[in-house]
Amino acid sequence: VAKDLGLQLPALRERDLSISDKGRTQYFSLHGKTGHLLTAERIDREQLCESMHQCVLRCELVVEGEI
């Protein structure tokens, strides 16, 4: 995430990054030392997208301040 935003890790920590998912379960988290986006929970495709051909999980990253 830090690399995609063109930020160094210290700058990313200072900007109060938050990740939000649409559902109740928080499926993603950010590793504080590497800036990598990680899965925070097990993702069960059959449970989330029972009969759908394409399964998409959307999340939103919010970074405070200007980029």
N, C-alpha and C. Protein backbone atom coordinates (compact mmCIF):
# COMPACT_ATOMS: atom_id res chain seq x y z
N VAL A 1 0.83 -1.18 0.00
CA VAL A 1 0.00 0.00 0.00
C VAL A 1 0.88 1.25 0.00
N ALA A 2 1.89 1.26 0.84
CA ALA A 2 2.78 2.42 0.90
C ALA A 2 3.42 2.66 -0.48
N LYS A 3 3.87 1.60 -1.12
CA LYS A 3 4.51 1.72 -2.43
C LYS A 3 3.51 2.24 -3.47
N ASP A 4 2.28 1.72 -3.46
CA ASP A 4 1.26 2.16 -4.42
C ASP A 4 0.90 3.63 -4.23
N LEU A 5 0.94 4.12 -3.01
CA LEU A 5 0.62 5.52 -2.73
C LEU A 5 1.82 6.44 -2.89
N GLY A 6 3.00 5.85 -3.09
CA GLY A 6 4.21 6.64 -3.24
C GLY A 6 4.67 7.26 -1.93
N LEU A 7 4.42 6.55 -0.82
CA LEU A 7 4.79 7.05 0.51
C LEU A 7 5.81 6.13 1.15
N GLN A 8 6.64 6.69 2.01
CA GLN A 8 7.54 5.89 2.85
C GLN A 8 6.74 5.41 4.05
N LEU A 9 7.15 4.32 4.67
CA LEU A 9 6.41 3.77 5.81
C LEU A 9 6.19 4.76 6.95
N PRO A 10 7.19 5.54 7.35
CA PRO A 10 6.93 6.51 8.43
C PRO A 10 5.81 7.49 8.08
N ALA A 11 5.77 7.93 6.83
CA ALA A 11 4.72 8.87 6.40
C ALA A 11 3.36 8.20 6.43
N LEU A 12 3.31 6.92 6.09
CA LEU A 12 2.05 6.18 6.09
C LEU A 12 1.51 6.06 7.52
N ARG A 13 2.39 5.80 8.47
CA ARG A 13 1.97 5.69 9.87
C ARG A 13 1.44 7.02 10.40
N GLU A 14 2.04 8.11 9.97
CA GLU A 14 1.65 9.44 10.45
C GLU A 14 0.31 9.89 9.89
N ARG A 15 -0.17 9.31 8.82
CA ARG A 15 -1.37 9.76 8.14
C ARG A 15 -2.65 9.08 8.61
N ASP A 16 -2.58 8.29 9.65
CA ASP A 16 -3.77 7.66 10.23
C ASP A 16 -4.57 6.89 9.18
N LEU A 17 -3.96 5.88 8.59
CA LEU A 17 -4.59 5.05 7.58
C LEU A 17 -5.66 4.17 8.21
N SER A 18 -6.81 4.07 7.57
CA SER A 18 -7.84 3.14 8.03
C SER A 18 -8.39 2.35 6.85
N ILE A 19 -8.81 1.13 7.11
CA ILE A 19 -9.36 0.25 6.09
C ILE A 19 -10.78 -0.08 6.51
N SER A 20 -11.73 0.08 5.59
CA SER A 20 -13.11 -0.26 5.92
C SER A 20 -13.67 -1.19 4.86
N ASP A 21 -14.38 -2.20 5.33
CA ASP A 21 -15.10 -3.13 4.46
C ASP A 21 -16.58 -2.78 4.55
N LYS A 22 -17.34 -3.18 3.55
CA LYS A 22 -18.77 -2.89 3.54
C LYS A 22 -19.55 -3.74 4.55
N GLY A 23 -19.11 -4.95 4.81
CA GLY A 23 -19.84 -5.85 5.69
C GLY A 23 -19.46 -5.71 7.15
N ARG A 24 -19.92 -6.64 7.94
CA ARG A 24 -19.65 -6.64 9.38
C ARG A 24 -18.24 -7.13 9.69
N THR A 25 -17.73 -8.03 8.87
CA THR A 25 -16.42 -8.62 9.13
C THR A 25 -15.32 -7.80 8.47
N GLN A 26 -14.28 -7.53 9.22
CA GLN A 26 -13.12 -6.81 8.69
C GLN A 26 -12.18 -7.85 8.10
N TYR A 27 -12.16 -7.98 6.77
CA TYR A 27 -11.37 -9.01 6.10
C TYR A 27 -9.93 -8.60 5.85
N PHE A 28 -9.64 -7.31 5.89
CA PHE A 28 -8.31 -6.85 5.54
C PHE A 28 -7.69 -6.01 6.65
N SER A 29 -6.37 -6.05 6.72
CA SER A 29 -5.63 -5.22 7.67
C SER A 29 -4.34 -4.78 7.00
N LEU A 30 -3.68 -3.84 7.62
CA LEU A 30 -2.42 -3.33 7.08
C LEU A 30 -1.30 -3.69 8.04
N HIS A 31 -0.25 -4.31 7.52
CA HIS A 31 0.90 -4.66 8.34
C HIS A 31 1.68 -3.38 8.64
N GLY A 32 1.83 -3.03 9.89
CA GLY A 32 2.44 -1.77 10.29
C GLY A 32 3.89 -1.61 9.93
N LYS A 33 4.65 -2.71 9.86
CA LYS A 33 6.08 -2.60 9.58
C LYS A 33 6.42 -2.65 8.09
N THR A 34 5.58 -3.34 7.30
CA THR A 34 5.89 -3.49 5.88
C THR A 34 4.99 -2.66 4.97
N GLY A 35 3.81 -2.27 5.46
CA GLY A 35 2.86 -1.54 4.62
C GLY A 35 2.08 -2.45 3.69
N HIS A 36 2.16 -3.77 3.88
CA HIS A 36 1.44 -4.71 3.03
C HIS A 36 -0.01 -4.86 3.48
N LEU A 37 -0.89 -5.03 2.51
CA LEU A 37 -2.30 -5.31 2.78
C LEU A 37 -2.42 -6.81 3.03
N LEU A 38 -3.01 -7.19 4.16
CA LEU A 38 -3.12 -8.59 4.55
C LEU A 38 -4.58 -8.98 4.74
N THR A 39 -4.85 -10.28 4.67
CA THR A 39 -6.18 -10.75 5.05
C THR A 39 -6.20 -10.90 6.57
N ALA A 40 -7.21 -10.32 7.19
CA ALA A 40 -7.32 -10.35 8.65
C ALA A 40 -8.20 -11.50 9.12
N GLU A 41 -9.06 -11.97 8.25
CA GLU A 41 -9.97 -13.07 8.56
C GLU A 41 -9.94 -14.06 7.40
N ARG A 42 -10.34 -15.28 7.69
CA ARG A 42 -10.46 -16.28 6.64
C ARG A 42 -11.60 -15.87 5.72
N ILE A 43 -11.38 -15.94 4.41
CA ILE A 43 -12.39 -15.55 3.43
C ILE A 43 -12.97 -16.81 2.82
N ASP A 44 -14.25 -17.04 3.07
CA ASP A 44 -14.95 -18.22 2.58
C ASP A 44 -15.82 -17.82 1.39
N ARG A 45 -15.36 -18.14 0.19
CA ARG A 45 -16.06 -17.74 -1.02
C ARG A 45 -17.48 -18.30 -1.06
N GLU A 46 -17.68 -19.54 -0.69
CA GLU A 46 -19.00 -20.15 -0.74
C GLU A 46 -19.99 -19.43 0.18
N GLN A 47 -19.52 -18.96 1.30
CA GLN A 47 -20.38 -18.26 2.24
C GLN A 47 -20.70 -16.84 1.74
N LEU A 48 -19.72 -16.16 1.19
CA LEU A 48 -19.90 -14.78 0.75
C LEU A 48 -20.66 -14.64 -0.56
N CYS A 49 -20.38 -15.51 -1.49
CA CYS A 49 -20.92 -15.38 -2.86
C CYS A 49 -21.52 -16.70 -3.32
N GLU A 50 -22.46 -17.20 -2.58
CA GLU A 50 -23.01 -18.54 -2.79
C GLU A 50 -23.17 -18.95 -4.25
N SER A 51 -24.05 -18.32 -4.98
CA SER A 51 -24.34 -18.77 -6.35
C SER A 51 -23.84 -17.79 -7.42
N MET A 52 -23.02 -16.84 -7.04
CA MET A 52 -22.51 -15.85 -7.99
C MET A 52 -21.31 -16.41 -8.73
N HIS A 53 -21.24 -16.13 -10.02
CA HIS A 53 -20.11 -16.59 -10.82
C HIS A 53 -18.83 -15.82 -10.46
N GLN A 54 -18.97 -14.52 -10.24
CA GLN A 54 -17.82 -13.68 -9.90
C GLN A 54 -17.98 -13.20 -8.46
N CYS A 55 -16.93 -13.35 -7.67
CA CYS A 55 -16.97 -12.93 -6.27
C CYS A 55 -15.95 -11.81 -6.06
N VAL A 56 -16.43 -10.65 -5.61
CA VAL A 56 -15.57 -9.49 -5.43
C VAL A 56 -15.75 -8.95 -4.01
N LEU A 57 -14.65 -8.76 -3.31
CA LEU A 57 -14.67 -8.11 -2.00
C LEU A 57 -14.10 -6.72 -2.17
N ARG A 58 -14.84 -5.75 -1.74
CA ARG A 58 -14.37 -4.37 -1.87
C ARG A 58 -14.00 -3.84 -0.49
N CYS A 59 -12.94 -3.07 -0.45
CA CYS A 59 -12.57 -2.38 0.77
C CYS A 59 -12.10 -0.98 0.40
N GLU A 60 -12.12 -0.12 1.36
CA GLU A 60 -11.75 1.27 1.13
C GLU A 60 -10.61 1.63 2.06
N LEU A 61 -9.57 2.23 1.50
CA LEU A 61 -8.46 2.72 2.29
C LEU A 61 -8.59 4.22 2.41
N VAL A 62 -8.55 4.71 3.61
CA VAL A 62 -8.65 6.15 3.86
C VAL A 62 -7.34 6.62 4.47
N VAL A 63 -6.71 7.59 3.81
CA VAL A 63 -5.45 8.15 4.29
C VAL A 63 -5.68 9.62 4.58
N GLU A 64 -5.41 10.02 5.81
CA GLU A 64 -5.60 11.41 6.19
C GLU A 64 -4.51 12.28 5.59
N GLY A 65 -4.84 13.51 5.25
CA GLY A 65 -3.87 14.46 4.71
C GLY A 65 -3.76 14.37 3.19
N GLU A 66 -3.04 15.28 2.61
CA GLU A 66 -2.87 15.33 1.16
C GLU A 66 -1.80 14.36 0.70
N ILE A 67 -2.01 13.84 -0.51
CA ILE A 67 -1.04 12.93 -1.11
C ILE A 67 -0.52 13.58 -2.38
